[in-house]
PDB file of all heavy atoms in Angstrom:
ATOM      1  N   ALA A   1     127.235 104.254 104.444  1.00  0.00           N
ATOM      2  CA  ALA A   1     127.204 104.765 105.746  1.00  0.00           C
ATOM      3  C   ALA A   1     126.024 105.615 106.132  1.00  0.00           C
ATOM      4  O   ALA A   1     125.513 105.378 107.274  1.00  0.00           O
ATOM      5  CB  ALA A   1     128.522 105.527 105.933  1.00  0.00           C
ATOM      6  N   THR A   2     125.581 106.470 105.151  1.00  0.00           N
ATOM      7  CA  THR A   2     124.401 107.266 105.343  1.00  0.00           C
ATOM      8  C   THR A   2     123.211 106.443 105.653  1.00  0.00           C
ATOM      9  O   THR A   2     122.340 106.507 106.625  1.00  0.00           O
ATOM     10  CB  THR A   2     124.186 108.176 104.284  1.00  0.00           C
ATOM     11  OG1 THR A   2     125.311 109.056 104.152  1.00  0.00           O
ATOM     12  CG2 THR A   2     122.939 109.070 104.571  1.00  0.00           C
ATOM     13  N   PHE A   3     122.835 105.530 104.750  1.00  0.00           N
ATOM     14  CA  PHE A   3     121.655 104.698 104.896  1.00  0.00           C
ATOM     15  C   PHE A   3     121.784 103.732 106.005  1.00  0.00           C
ATOM     16  O   PHE A   3     120.777 103.327 106.564  1.00  0.00           O
ATOM     17  CB  PHE A   3     121.370 103.988 103.515  1.00  0.00           C
ATOM     18  CG  PHE A   3     120.927 104.868 102.467  1.00  0.00           C
ATOM     19  CD1 PHE A   3     121.503 105.018 101.345  1.00  0.00           C
ATOM     20  CD2 PHE A   3     119.745 105.643 102.687  1.00  0.00           C
ATOM     21  CE1 PHE A   3     121.103 105.857 100.299  1.00  0.00           C
ATOM     22  CE2 PHE A   3     119.341 106.629 101.778  1.00  0.00           C
ATOM     23  CZ  PHE A   3     119.992 106.632 100.582  1.00  0.00           C
ATOM     24  N   GLY A   4     122.968 103.241 106.369  1.00  0.00           N
ATOM     25  CA  GLY A   4     123.089 102.327 107.486  1.00  0.00           C
ATOM     26  C   GLY A   4     122.866 103.071 108.859  1.00  0.00           C
ATOM     27  O   GLY A   4     122.388 102.356 109.762  1.00  0.00           O
ATOM     28  N   GLU A   5     122.992 104.331 108.852  1.00  0.00           N
ATOM     29  CA  GLU A   5     122.678 105.025 110.037  1.00  0.00           C
ATOM     30  C   GLU A   5     121.203 105.466 110.104  1.00  0.00           C
ATOM     31  O   GLU A   5     120.591 105.584 111.109  1.00  0.00           O
ATOM     32  CB  GLU A   5     123.496 106.316 110.327  1.00  0.00           C
ATOM     33  CG  GLU A   5     125.011 105.998 110.517  1.00  0.00           C
ATOM     34  CD  GLU A   5     125.076 105.062 111.739  1.00  0.00           C
ATOM     35  OE1 GLU A   5     124.479 105.466 112.879  1.00  0.00           O
ATOM     36  OE2 GLU A   5     125.956 104.080 111.715  1.00  0.00           O
ATOM     37  N   LEU A   6     120.657 105.735 108.865  1.00  0.00           N
ATOM     38  CA  LEU A   6     119.267 106.256 108.776  1.00  0.00           C
ATOM     39  C   LEU A   6     118.184 105.035 109.038  1.00  0.00           C
ATOM     40  O   LEU A   6     117.136 105.352 109.533  1.00  0.00           O
ATOM     41  CB  LEU A   6     119.012 106.930 107.518  1.00  0.00           C
ATOM     42  CG  LEU A   6     119.473 108.325 107.201  1.00  0.00           C
ATOM     43  CD1 LEU A   6     119.229 108.698 105.822  1.00  0.00           C
ATOM     44  CD2 LEU A   6     118.795 109.254 108.205  1.00  0.00           C
ATOM     45  N   HIS A   7     118.543 103.891 108.582  1.00  0.00           N
ATOM     46  CA  HIS A   7     117.640 102.863 108.641  1.00  0.00           C
ATOM     47  C   HIS A   7     117.092 102.488 110.080  1.00  0.00           C
ATOM     48  O   HIS A   7     115.983 102.481 110.366  1.00  0.00           O
ATOM     49  CB  HIS A   7     118.185 101.602 107.967  1.00  0.00           C
ATOM     50  CG  HIS A   7     117.077 100.439 107.956  1.00  0.00           C
ATOM     51  ND1 HIS A   7     117.411  99.181 108.555  1.00  0.00           N
ATOM     52  CD2 HIS A   7     116.002 100.401 107.303  1.00  0.00           C
ATOM     53  CE1 HIS A   7     116.342  98.468 108.355  1.00  0.00           C
ATOM     54  NE2 HIS A   7     115.535  99.165 107.533  1.00  0.00           N
ATOM     55  N   PRO A   8     118.126 102.371 110.995  1.00  0.00           N
ATOM     56  CA  PRO A   8     117.634 102.191 112.441  1.00  0.00           C
ATOM     57  C   PRO A   8     116.855 103.438 112.916  1.00  0.00           C
ATOM     58  O   PRO A   8     115.889 103.164 113.674  1.00  0.00           O
ATOM     59  CB  PRO A   8     118.921 101.919 113.196  1.00  0.00           C
ATOM     60  CG  PRO A   8     119.996 101.577 112.211  1.00  0.00           C
ATOM     61  CD  PRO A   8     119.526 102.200 110.939  1.00  0.00           C
ATOM     62  N   ALA A   9     117.287 104.574 112.571  1.00  0.00           N
ATOM     63  CA  ALA A   9     116.411 105.708 113.100  1.00  0.00           C
ATOM     64  C   ALA A   9     115.037 105.725 112.603  1.00  0.00           C
ATOM     65  O   ALA A   9     114.162 106.004 113.320  1.00  0.00           O
ATOM     66  CB  ALA A   9     117.153 106.915 112.709  1.00  0.00           C
ATOM     67  N   CYS A  10     114.941 105.290 111.220  1.00  0.00           N
ATOM     68  CA  CYS A  10     113.637 105.233 110.667  1.00  0.00           C
ATOM     69  C   CYS A  10     112.787 104.008 111.319  1.00  0.00           C
ATOM     70  O   CYS A  10     111.565 104.208 111.521  1.00  0.00           O
ATOM     71  CB  CYS A  10     113.622 104.951 109.119  1.00  0.00           C
ATOM     72  SG  CYS A  10     114.231 106.412 108.358  1.00  0.00           S
ATOM     73  N   ASP A  11     113.472 103.017 111.673  1.00  0.00           N
ATOM     74  CA  ASP A  11     112.726 101.898 112.356  1.00  0.00           C
ATOM     75  C   ASP A  11     112.122 102.440 113.690  1.00  0.00           C
ATOM     76  O   ASP A  11     111.043 101.920 114.107  1.00  0.00           O
ATOM     77  CB  ASP A  11     113.655 100.747 112.647  1.00  0.00           C
ATOM     78  CG  ASP A  11     113.863  99.835 111.450  1.00  0.00           C
ATOM     79  OD1 ASP A  11     113.024  99.918 110.482  1.00  0.00           O
ATOM     80  OD2 ASP A  11     114.851  98.993 111.516  1.00  0.00           O
ATOM     81  N   HIS A  12     112.838 103.239 114.439  1.00  0.00           N
ATOM     82  CA  HIS A  12     112.302 103.751 115.685  1.00  0.00           C
ATOM     83  C   HIS A  12     111.393 104.884 115.593  1.00  0.00           C
ATOM     84  O   HIS A  12     110.450 104.981 116.460  1.00  0.00           O
ATOM     85  CB  HIS A  12     113.523 104.026 116.569  1.00  0.00           C
ATOM     86  CG  HIS A  12     114.276 102.906 117.029  1.00  0.00           C
ATOM     87  ND1 HIS A  12     113.811 101.912 117.917  1.00  0.00           N
ATOM     88  CD2 HIS A  12     115.450 102.449 116.602  1.00  0.00           C
ATOM     89  CE1 HIS A  12     114.770 101.015 118.139  1.00  0.00           C
ATOM     90  NE2 HIS A  12     115.692 101.232 117.255  1.00  0.00           N
ATOM     91  N   TRP A  13     111.596 105.734 114.715  1.00  0.00           N
ATOM     92  CA  TRP A  13     110.836 107.027 114.720  1.00  0.00           C
ATOM     93  C   TRP A  13     109.652 107.084 113.583  1.00  0.00           C
ATOM     94  O   TRP A  13     108.684 107.855 113.811  1.00  0.00           O
ATOM     95  CB  TRP A  13     111.682 108.189 114.554  1.00  0.00           C
ATOM     96  CG  TRP A  13     112.704 108.302 115.721  1.00  0.00           C
ATOM     97  CD1 TRP A  13     113.926 108.055 115.848  1.00  0.00           C
ATOM     98  CD2 TRP A  13     112.331 108.827 117.009  1.00  0.00           C
ATOM     99  NE1 TRP A  13     114.531 108.135 116.986  1.00  0.00           N
ATOM    100  CE2 TRP A  13     113.484 108.760 117.720  1.00  0.00           C
ATOM    101  CE3 TRP A  13     111.242 109.313 117.683  1.00  0.00           C
ATOM    102  CZ2 TRP A  13     113.439 109.096 119.198  1.00  0.00           C
ATOM    103  CZ3 TRP A  13     111.193 109.614 118.986  1.00  0.00           C
ATOM    104  CH2 TRP A  13     112.337 109.583 119.671  1.00  0.00           C
ATOM    105  N   VAL A  14     109.944 106.406 112.499  1.00  0.00           N
ATOM    106  CA  VAL A  14     108.945 106.558 111.420  1.00  0.00           C
ATOM    107  C   VAL A  14     107.970 105.454 111.352  1.00  0.00           C
ATOM    108  O   VAL A  14     106.835 105.504 111.139  1.00  0.00           O
ATOM    109  CB  VAL A  14     109.735 106.759 110.094  1.00  0.00           C
ATOM    110  CG1 VAL A  14     108.776 106.825 108.935  1.00  0.00           C
ATOM    111  CG2 VAL A  14     110.551 107.913 110.132  1.00  0.00           C
ATOM    112  N   GLN A  15     108.553 104.109 111.468  1.00  0.00           N
ATOM    113  CA  GLN A  15     107.723 103.030 111.305  1.00  0.00           C
ATOM    114  C   GLN A  15     106.728 102.775 112.535  1.00  0.00           C
ATOM    115  O   GLN A  15     107.206 102.921 113.617  1.00  0.00           O
ATOM    116  CB  GLN A  15     108.659 101.796 111.196  1.00  0.00           C
ATOM    117  CG  GLN A  15     107.968 100.448 111.252  1.00  0.00           C
ATOM    118  CD  GLN A  15     108.913  99.319 111.066  1.00  0.00           C
ATOM    119  OE1 GLN A  15     108.962  98.543 110.144  1.00  0.00           O
ATOM    120  NE2 GLN A  15     109.830  99.115 112.096  1.00  0.00           N
ATOM    121  N   GLY A  16     105.572 102.490 112.275  1.00  0.00           N
ATOM    122  CA  GLY A  16     104.682 102.373 113.286  1.00  0.00           C
ATOM    123  C   GLY A  16     104.847 100.934 113.959  1.00  0.00           C
ATOM    124  O   GLY A  16     105.310  99.994 113.379  1.00  0.00           O
ATOM    125  N   PRO A  17     104.269 100.793 115.128  1.00  0.00           N
ATOM    126  CA  PRO A  17     104.350  99.555 115.944  1.00  0.00           C
ATOM    127  C   PRO A  17     103.673  98.396 115.199  1.00  0.00           C
ATOM    128  O   PRO A  17     104.043  97.157 115.222  1.00  0.00           O
ATOM    129  CB  PRO A  17     103.925  99.780 117.318  1.00  0.00           C
ATOM    130  CG  PRO A  17     103.121 100.977 117.231  1.00  0.00           C
ATOM    131  CD  PRO A  17     103.610 101.756 116.101  1.00  0.00           C
ATOM    132  N   LYS A  18     102.450  98.675 114.533  1.00  0.00           N
ATOM    133  CA  LYS A  18     101.811  97.689 113.873  1.00  0.00           C
ATOM    134  C   LYS A  18     102.598  97.131 112.728  1.00  0.00           C
ATOM    135  O   LYS A  18     102.540  95.965 112.454  1.00  0.00           O
ATOM    136  CB  LYS A  18     100.301  98.241 113.440  1.00  0.00           C
ATOM    137  CG  LYS A  18      99.487  98.451 114.517  1.00  0.00           C
ATOM    138  CD  LYS A  18      98.167  99.024 114.092  1.00  0.00           C
ATOM    139  CE  LYS A  18      97.246  99.413 115.133  1.00  0.00           C
ATOM    140  NZ  LYS A  18      95.995  99.968 114.648  1.00  0.00           N
ATOM    141  N   SER A  19     103.144  98.006 112.031  1.00  0.00           N
ATOM    142  CA  SER A  19     103.914  97.627 110.852  1.00  0.00           C
ATOM    143  C   SER A  19     105.196  96.683 111.223  1.00  0.00           C
ATOM    144  O   SER A  19     105.422  95.781 110.602  1.00  0.00           O
ATOM    145  CB  SER A  19     104.337  98.807 110.061  1.00  0.00           C
ATOM    146  OG  SER A  19     105.109  98.537 108.813  1.00  0.00           O
ATOM    147  N   ALA A  20     105.670  97.210 112.290  1.00  0.00           N
ATOM    148  CA  ALA A  20     106.983  96.450 112.819  1.00  0.00           C
ATOM    149  C   ALA A  20     106.641  95.121 113.231  1.00  0.00           C
ATOM    150  O   ALA A  20     107.334  94.173 112.970  1.00  0.00           O
ATOM    151  CB  ALA A  20     107.590  97.150 114.041  1.00  0.00           C
ATOM    152  N   SER A  21     105.449  94.842 113.812  1.00  0.00           N
ATOM    153  CA  SER A  21     105.105  93.504 114.186  1.00  0.00           C
ATOM    154  C   SER A  21     104.516  92.634 113.252  1.00  0.00           C
ATOM    155  O   SER A  21     104.663  91.374 113.230  1.00  0.00           O
ATOM    156  CB  SER A  21     104.071  93.539 115.478  1.00  0.00           C
ATOM    157  OG  SER A  21     102.893  94.183 114.921  1.00  0.00           O
ATOM    158  N   ARG A  22     104.003  93.237 112.204  1.00  0.00           N
ATOM    159  CA  ARG A  22     103.400  92.429 111.025  1.00  0.00           C
ATOM    160  C   ARG A  22     104.444  91.987 110.130  1.00  0.00           C
ATOM    161  O   ARG A  22     104.135  91.281 109.121  1.00  0.00           O
ATOM    162  CB  ARG A  22     102.176  93.257 110.434  1.00  0.00           C
ATOM    163  CG  ARG A  22     101.076  93.389 111.409  1.00  0.00           C
ATOM    164  CD  ARG A  22     100.046  94.242 110.807  1.00  0.00           C
ATOM    165  NE  ARG A  22      98.960  94.466 111.821  1.00  0.00           N
ATOM    166  CZ  ARG A  22      98.029  95.348 111.722  1.00  0.00           C
ATOM    167  NH1 ARG A  22      98.017  96.169 110.771  1.00  0.00           N
ATOM    168  NH2 ARG A  22      97.150  95.543 112.646  1.00  0.00           N
ATOM    169  N   LYS A  23     105.593  92.638 110.023  1.00  0.00           N
ATOM    170  CA  LYS A  23     106.529  92.291 108.988  1.00  0.00           C
ATOM    171  C   LYS A  23     106.958  90.789 109.039  1.00  0.00           C
ATOM    172  O   LYS A  23     107.380  90.226 108.066  1.00  0.00           O
ATOM    173  CB  LYS A  23     107.771  93.189 109.100  1.00  0.00           C
ATOM    174  CG  LYS A  23     107.635  94.542 108.766  1.00  0.00           C
ATOM    175  CD  LYS A  23     108.915  95.304 108.591  1.00  0.00           C
ATOM    176  CE  LYS A  23     109.692  95.395 109.893  1.00  0.00           C
ATOM    177  NZ  LYS A  23     110.771  96.147 109.784  1.00  0.00           N
ATOM    178  N   ARG A  24     106.815  90.163 110.191  1.00  0.00           N
ATOM    179  CA  ARG A  24     107.246  88.787 110.324  1.00  0.00           C
ATOM    180  C   ARG A  24     106.165  87.770 110.071  1.00  0.00           C
ATOM    181  O   ARG A  24     106.418  86.620 110.117  1.00  0.00           O
ATOM    182  CB  ARG A  24     107.773  88.558 111.819  1.00  0.00           C
ATOM    183  CG  ARG A  24     109.018  89.502 112.132  1.00  0.00           C
ATOM    184  CD  ARG A  24     109.424  89.150 113.494  1.00  0.00           C
ATOM    185  NE  ARG A  24     110.353  90.149 113.845  1.00  0.00           N
ATOM    186  CZ  ARG A  24     110.198  91.049 114.794  1.00  0.00           C
ATOM    187  NH1 ARG A  24     109.025  91.046 115.390  1.00  0.00           N
ATOM    188  NH2 ARG A  24     111.140  92.019 115.130  1.00  0.00           N
ATOM    189  N   LEU A  25     104.949  88.294 109.761  1.00  0.00           N
ATOM    190  CA  LEU A  25     103.820  87.287 109.511  1.00  0.00           C
ATOM    191  C   LEU A  25     104.010  86.378 108.267  1.00  0.00           C
ATOM    192  O   LEU A  25     104.395  87.100 107.141  1.00  0.00           O
ATOM    193  CB  LEU A  25     102.538  88.066 109.583  1.00  0.00           C
ATOM    194  CG  LEU A  25     102.119  88.760 110.863  1.00  0.00           C
ATOM    195  CD1 LEU A  25     100.754  89.470 110.599  1.00  0.00           C
ATOM    196  CD2 LEU A  25     101.988  87.756 111.921  1.00  0.00           C
TER     197      LEU A  25
END
């Protein structure tokens, strides 16, 4: 439950936009 809630928060606040877009390459 803890990591299930933290992961989306980290996606929005910690991860940079470049990293987010390049994960699918």
